[in-house]
């Protein structure tokens, strides 16, 4: 017998927003001395602490600015905000699975938006 799980809701988060949520969970769990952090949770907290560069408000503003651009959809905007690519090659990697490729000017436009935040 196979048990399937159903996705009830889905929401994109930036690394900064995830860090904020995990900090709350970590603080809640630290109040209970008998309760240890599970390995997966500890690794997730370690990951967001290492890679969260922006604060949650800045990251949401960056996503909003990226979504205003023509070739950037919601999922790609969050991916870019989480990775903060620094050059064209890193940015091209984000768009590698898309059915289209971006011109140099379009890549530079996205990089200029990122540069305002990073």
N, C-alpha and C. Protein backbone atom coordinates (compact mmCIF):
# COMPACT_ATOMS: atom_id res chain seq x y z
N UNK A 1 0.84 -1.17 0.00
CA UNK A 1 0.00 0.00 0.00
C UNK A 1 0.89 1.24 0.00
N UNK A 2 0.60 2.16 -0.87
CA UNK A 2 1.36 3.40 -0.98
C UNK A 2 0.53 4.55 -0.45
N UNK A 3 1.17 5.35 0.36
CA UNK A 3 0.49 6.52 0.89
C UNK A 3 1.00 7.74 0.14
N UNK A 4 0.08 8.46 -0.47
CA UNK A 4 0.45 9.65 -1.21
C UNK A 4 0.13 10.87 -0.37
N UNK A 5 1.00 11.84 -0.44
CA UNK A 5 0.75 13.10 0.25
C UNK A 5 0.26 14.11 -0.76
N UNK A 6 -0.66 14.91 -0.34
CA UNK A 6 -1.27 15.91 -1.20
C UNK A 6 -0.70 17.28 -0.86
N UNK A 7 -0.34 18.04 -1.89
CA UNK A 7 0.13 19.40 -1.67
C UNK A 7 -1.09 20.27 -1.46
N UNK A 8 -1.19 20.87 -0.30
CA UNK A 8 -2.33 21.70 0.04
C UNK A 8 -2.11 23.15 -0.40
N UNK A 9 -0.88 23.62 -0.19
CA UNK A 9 -0.57 25.00 -0.52
C UNK A 9 0.90 25.10 -0.87
N UNK A 10 1.23 26.06 -1.70
CA UNK A 10 2.61 26.26 -2.09
C UNK A 10 2.89 27.75 -2.13
N UNK A 11 4.04 28.13 -1.59
CA UNK A 11 4.39 29.54 -1.53
C UNK A 11 5.90 29.66 -1.70
N UNK A 12 6.32 30.61 -2.52
CA UNK A 12 7.75 30.86 -2.69
C UNK A 12 8.24 31.74 -1.55
N UNK A 13 9.44 31.42 -1.06
CA UNK A 13 10.09 32.22 -0.03
C UNK A 13 11.52 32.49 -0.44
N UNK A 14 12.02 33.63 -0.01
CA UNK A 14 13.43 33.90 -0.21
C UNK A 14 14.20 33.27 0.95
N UNK A 15 15.50 33.17 0.80
CA UNK A 15 16.33 32.60 1.86
C UNK A 15 16.22 33.45 3.12
N UNK A 16 16.15 34.76 2.95
CA UNK A 16 16.04 35.66 4.11
C UNK A 16 14.75 35.44 4.87
N UNK A 17 13.65 35.25 4.16
CA UNK A 17 12.37 34.98 4.81
C UNK A 17 12.39 33.63 5.51
N UNK A 18 13.02 32.66 4.88
CA UNK A 18 13.14 31.33 5.48
C UNK A 18 13.98 31.39 6.74
N UNK A 19 15.03 32.20 6.71
CA UNK A 19 15.88 32.37 7.90
C UNK A 19 15.07 32.92 9.06
N UNK A 20 14.24 33.90 8.77
CA UNK A 20 13.41 34.50 9.81
C UNK A 20 12.46 33.45 10.42
N UNK A 21 11.84 32.63 9.59
CA UNK A 21 10.94 31.59 10.08
C UNK A 21 11.69 30.54 10.89
N UNK A 22 12.85 30.13 10.41
CA UNK A 22 13.63 29.12 11.12
C UNK A 22 14.21 29.66 12.43
N UNK A 23 14.52 30.95 12.47
CA UNK A 23 14.98 31.55 13.74
C UNK A 23 13.89 31.46 14.79
N UNK A 24 12.64 31.70 14.38
CA UNK A 24 11.51 31.60 15.31
C UNK A 24 11.35 30.16 15.82
N UNK A 25 11.46 29.21 14.90
CA UNK A 25 11.33 27.80 15.29
C UNK A 25 12.47 27.40 16.22
N UNK A 26 13.69 27.85 15.91
CA UNK A 26 14.84 27.52 16.76
C UNK A 26 14.68 28.11 18.16
N UNK A 27 14.18 29.35 18.24
CA UNK A 27 13.98 29.98 19.54
C UNK A 27 12.92 29.24 20.35
N UNK A 28 11.86 28.82 19.67
CA UNK A 28 10.78 28.07 20.34
C UNK A 28 11.30 26.74 20.87
N UNK A 29 12.10 26.06 20.05
CA UNK A 29 12.62 24.75 20.45
C UNK A 29 13.66 24.87 21.55
N UNK A 30 14.40 25.98 21.60
CA UNK A 30 15.44 26.12 22.61
C UNK A 30 14.84 26.34 24.00
N UNK A 31 13.59 26.75 24.09
CA UNK A 31 12.93 26.93 25.39
C UNK A 31 12.68 25.59 26.07
N UNK A 32 12.49 24.54 25.28
CA UNK A 32 12.27 23.20 25.81
C UNK A 32 13.61 22.46 25.82
N UNK A 33 14.21 22.33 26.99
CA UNK A 33 15.54 21.75 27.11
C UNK A 33 15.59 20.28 26.72
N UNK A 34 14.49 19.57 26.84
CA UNK A 34 14.47 18.15 26.53
C UNK A 34 14.34 17.88 25.03
N UNK A 35 14.00 18.90 24.29
CA UNK A 35 13.73 18.71 22.87
C UNK A 35 14.96 19.12 22.04
N UNK A 36 15.49 18.19 21.29
CA UNK A 36 16.65 18.46 20.44
C UNK A 36 16.20 18.85 19.04
N UNK A 37 17.06 19.58 18.35
CA UNK A 37 16.79 19.90 16.95
C UNK A 37 17.06 18.66 16.10
N UNK A 38 16.14 18.35 15.22
CA UNK A 38 16.38 17.24 14.31
C UNK A 38 17.50 17.62 13.36
N UNK A 39 18.16 16.63 12.83
CA UNK A 39 19.31 16.85 11.95
C UNK A 39 18.95 17.75 10.76
N UNK A 40 17.82 17.45 10.13
CA UNK A 40 17.41 18.21 8.95
C UNK A 40 17.17 19.67 9.29
N UNK A 41 16.54 19.93 10.44
CA UNK A 41 16.26 21.30 10.86
C UNK A 41 17.56 22.03 11.18
N UNK A 42 18.48 21.36 11.85
CA UNK A 42 19.77 21.98 12.17
C UNK A 42 20.54 22.32 10.90
N UNK A 43 20.51 21.45 9.92
CA UNK A 43 21.19 21.71 8.63
C UNK A 43 20.51 22.85 7.89
N UNK A 44 19.19 22.91 7.92
CA UNK A 44 18.47 24.01 7.25
C UNK A 44 18.82 25.35 7.90
N UNK A 45 18.89 25.38 9.22
CA UNK A 45 19.25 26.60 9.94
C UNK A 45 20.68 27.01 9.59
N UNK A 46 21.57 26.05 9.55
CA UNK A 46 22.96 26.33 9.18
C UNK A 46 23.04 26.90 7.76
N UNK A 47 22.27 26.33 6.85
CA UNK A 47 22.26 26.77 5.45
C UNK A 47 21.78 28.21 5.33
N UNK A 48 20.65 28.54 5.93
CA UNK A 48 20.13 29.90 5.79
C UNK A 48 21.02 30.91 6.50
N UNK A 49 21.64 30.52 7.59
CA UNK A 49 22.56 31.44 8.26
C UNK A 49 23.77 31.75 7.38
N UNK A 50 24.19 30.79 6.60
CA UNK A 50 25.34 30.99 5.72
C UNK A 50 24.99 31.80 4.48
N UNK A 51 23.79 31.59 3.91
CA UNK A 51 23.49 32.15 2.60
C UNK A 51 22.50 33.32 2.59
N UNK A 52 21.91 33.66 3.70
CA UNK A 52 20.99 34.80 3.73
C UNK A 52 21.80 36.09 3.77
N UNK A 53 21.80 36.83 2.68
CA UNK A 53 22.59 38.05 2.56
C UNK A 53 21.72 39.27 2.87
N UNK A 54 20.54 39.30 2.29
CA UNK A 54 19.63 40.44 2.45
C UNK A 54 18.70 40.20 3.64
N UNK A 55 18.06 41.27 4.10
CA UNK A 55 17.02 41.07 5.10
C UNK A 55 15.71 40.76 4.36
N UNK A 56 14.70 40.24 5.05
CA UNK A 56 13.47 39.81 4.37
C UNK A 56 12.78 40.90 3.55
N UNK A 57 12.77 42.12 4.06
CA UNK A 57 12.11 43.21 3.33
C UNK A 57 12.84 43.52 2.03
N UNK A 58 14.17 43.58 2.10
CA UNK A 58 14.97 43.84 0.90
C UNK A 58 14.79 42.74 -0.13
N UNK A 59 14.76 41.51 0.34
CA UNK A 59 14.62 40.40 -0.60
C UNK A 59 13.27 40.42 -1.30
N UNK A 60 12.21 40.79 -0.58
CA UNK A 60 10.88 40.90 -1.21
C UNK A 60 10.84 42.05 -2.21
N UNK A 61 11.51 43.16 -1.88
CA UNK A 61 11.58 44.29 -2.82
C UNK A 61 12.33 43.88 -4.08
N UNK A 62 13.41 43.13 -3.92
CA UNK A 62 14.18 42.65 -5.06
C UNK A 62 13.31 41.75 -5.94
N UNK A 63 12.57 40.86 -5.34
CA UNK A 63 11.69 39.97 -6.10
C UNK A 63 10.65 40.79 -6.86
N UNK A 64 10.07 41.79 -6.21
CA UNK A 64 9.06 42.63 -6.86
C UNK A 64 9.67 43.38 -8.05
N UNK A 65 10.87 43.91 -7.87
CA UNK A 65 11.54 44.63 -8.97
C UNK A 65 11.87 43.69 -10.12
N UNK A 66 12.29 42.48 -9.80
CA UNK A 66 12.60 41.51 -10.85
C UNK A 66 11.36 41.08 -11.61
N UNK A 67 10.25 40.93 -10.91
CA UNK A 67 9.00 40.51 -11.56
C UNK A 67 8.47 41.57 -12.52
N UNK A 68 8.88 42.82 -12.33
CA UNK A 68 8.46 43.89 -13.25
C UNK A 68 9.12 43.75 -14.61
N UNK A 69 10.25 43.05 -14.67
CA UNK A 69 10.94 42.85 -15.94
C UNK A 69 10.18 41.84 -16.78
N UNK A 70 10.27 42.00 -18.09
CA UNK A 70 9.46 41.21 -19.02
C UNK A 70 9.75 39.71 -18.99
N UNK A 71 10.99 39.32 -18.94
CA UNK A 71 11.36 37.90 -19.08
C UNK A 71 11.47 37.16 -17.75
N UNK A 72 11.13 37.80 -16.64
CA UNK A 72 11.32 37.17 -15.33
C UNK A 72 9.95 36.84 -14.71
N UNK A 73 9.67 35.55 -14.54
CA UNK A 73 8.43 35.15 -13.89
C UNK A 73 8.67 35.02 -12.37
N UNK A 74 7.63 34.66 -11.64
CA UNK A 74 7.71 34.63 -10.18
C UNK A 74 8.77 33.65 -9.68
N UNK A 75 8.73 32.43 -10.18
CA UNK A 75 9.67 31.40 -9.71
C UNK A 75 11.11 31.81 -10.01
N UNK A 76 11.36 32.36 -11.18
CA UNK A 76 12.70 32.79 -11.55
C UNK A 76 13.15 33.98 -10.71
N UNK A 77 12.24 34.88 -10.39
CA UNK A 77 12.57 36.03 -9.56
C UNK A 77 13.03 35.57 -8.17
N UNK A 78 12.36 34.61 -7.60
CA UNK A 78 12.76 34.08 -6.29
C UNK A 78 14.10 33.36 -6.38
N UNK A 79 14.30 32.61 -7.47
CA UNK A 79 15.56 31.91 -7.65
C UNK A 79 16.72 32.90 -7.74
N UNK A 80 16.51 33.98 -8.50
CA UNK A 80 17.55 35.01 -8.64
C UNK A 80 17.80 35.70 -7.30
N UNK A 81 16.74 36.01 -6.57
CA UNK A 81 16.89 36.68 -5.27
C UNK A 81 17.62 35.79 -4.27
N UNK A 82 17.45 34.50 -4.37
CA UNK A 82 18.14 33.58 -3.46
C UNK A 82 19.61 33.39 -3.84
N UNK A 83 19.90 33.38 -5.13
CA UNK A 83 21.26 33.12 -5.58
C UNK A 83 22.10 34.39 -5.71
N UNK A 84 21.47 35.51 -6.01
CA UNK A 84 22.16 36.79 -6.24
C UNK A 84 23.36 36.63 -7.18
N UNK A 85 23.09 36.23 -8.43
CA UNK A 85 24.20 36.05 -9.39
C UNK A 85 24.95 37.36 -9.61
N UNK A 86 26.27 37.25 -9.79
CA UNK A 86 27.10 38.45 -9.92
C UNK A 86 27.49 38.76 -11.34
N UNK A 87 27.38 37.79 -12.25
CA UNK A 87 27.78 38.05 -13.63
C UNK A 87 26.84 37.33 -14.59
N UNK A 88 27.08 37.57 -15.86
CA UNK A 88 26.19 37.00 -16.89
C UNK A 88 26.17 35.47 -16.87
N UNK A 89 27.32 34.86 -16.65
CA UNK A 89 27.39 33.39 -16.66
C UNK A 89 26.54 32.79 -15.54
N UNK A 90 26.64 33.35 -14.35
CA UNK A 90 25.83 32.85 -13.24
C UNK A 90 24.35 33.07 -13.51
N UNK A 91 24.02 34.20 -14.11
CA UNK A 91 22.62 34.50 -14.41
C UNK A 91 22.10 33.59 -15.52
N UNK A 92 22.92 33.30 -16.51
CA UNK A 92 22.51 32.37 -17.58
C UNK A 92 22.17 31.00 -17.02
N UNK A 93 22.88 30.58 -15.98
CA UNK A 93 22.62 29.28 -15.36
C UNK A 93 21.20 29.23 -14.77
N UNK A 94 20.72 30.36 -14.28
CA UNK A 94 19.35 30.41 -13.74
C UNK A 94 18.34 30.19 -14.86
N UNK A 95 18.63 30.73 -16.04
CA UNK A 95 17.71 30.64 -17.17
C UNK A 95 17.99 29.43 -18.07
N UNK A 96 18.87 28.53 -17.65
CA UNK A 96 19.30 27.42 -18.51
C UNK A 96 18.15 26.51 -18.93
N UNK A 97 17.15 26.32 -18.09
CA UNK A 97 16.05 25.40 -18.42
C UNK A 97 14.88 26.09 -19.11
N UNK A 98 14.97 27.38 -19.33
CA UNK A 98 13.89 28.09 -20.02
C UNK A 98 13.94 27.78 -21.51
N UNK A 99 12.84 27.98 -22.17
CA UNK A 99 12.76 27.72 -23.61
C UNK A 99 13.33 28.87 -24.44
N UNK A 100 13.79 29.90 -23.79
CA UNK A 100 14.32 31.06 -24.48
C UNK A 100 15.65 31.45 -23.85
N UNK A 101 16.42 32.22 -24.56
CA UNK A 101 17.67 32.73 -23.99
C UNK A 101 17.58 34.25 -24.00
N UNK A 102 18.28 34.85 -23.08
CA UNK A 102 18.24 36.29 -22.94
C UNK A 102 19.42 36.93 -23.67
N UNK A 103 19.18 38.12 -24.19
CA UNK A 103 20.26 38.86 -24.83
C UNK A 103 21.16 39.46 -23.76
N UNK A 104 22.29 39.97 -24.18
CA UNK A 104 23.22 40.59 -23.24
C UNK A 104 22.61 41.79 -22.53
N UNK A 105 21.80 42.56 -23.26
CA UNK A 105 21.16 43.73 -22.65
C UNK A 105 20.15 43.32 -21.59
N UNK A 106 19.40 42.26 -21.87
CA UNK A 106 18.42 41.78 -20.89
C UNK A 106 19.12 41.24 -19.64
N UNK A 107 20.21 40.54 -19.84
CA UNK A 107 20.99 40.04 -18.70
C UNK A 107 21.54 41.20 -17.88
N UNK A 108 22.06 42.21 -18.57
CA UNK A 108 22.61 43.38 -17.87
C UNK A 108 21.53 44.13 -17.10
N UNK A 109 20.33 44.19 -17.66
CA UNK A 109 19.22 44.86 -16.98
C UNK A 109 18.89 44.14 -15.66
N UNK A 110 18.86 42.81 -15.70
CA UNK A 110 18.62 42.03 -14.47
C UNK A 110 19.76 42.22 -13.48
N UNK A 111 20.99 42.19 -13.97
CA UNK A 111 22.15 42.37 -13.09
C UNK A 111 22.17 43.75 -12.45
N UNK A 112 21.68 44.76 -13.17
CA UNK A 112 21.60 46.11 -12.60
C UNK A 112 20.60 46.17 -11.46
N UNK A 113 19.49 45.45 -11.59
CA UNK A 113 18.50 45.40 -10.52
C UNK A 113 19.12 44.72 -9.29
N UNK A 114 19.82 43.62 -9.52
CA UNK A 114 20.47 42.90 -8.42
C UNK A 114 21.51 43.77 -7.73
N UNK A 115 22.26 44.52 -8.52
CA UNK A 115 23.34 45.36 -7.97
C UNK A 115 22.81 46.42 -7.00
N UNK A 116 21.57 46.84 -7.17
CA UNK A 116 21.00 47.83 -6.26
C UNK A 116 20.78 47.28 -4.86
N UNK A 117 20.69 45.96 -4.75
CA UNK A 117 20.39 45.32 -3.46
C UNK A 117 21.58 44.61 -2.86
N UNK A 118 22.41 44.02 -3.69
CA UNK A 118 23.52 43.20 -3.16
C UNK A 118 24.79 44.02 -2.94
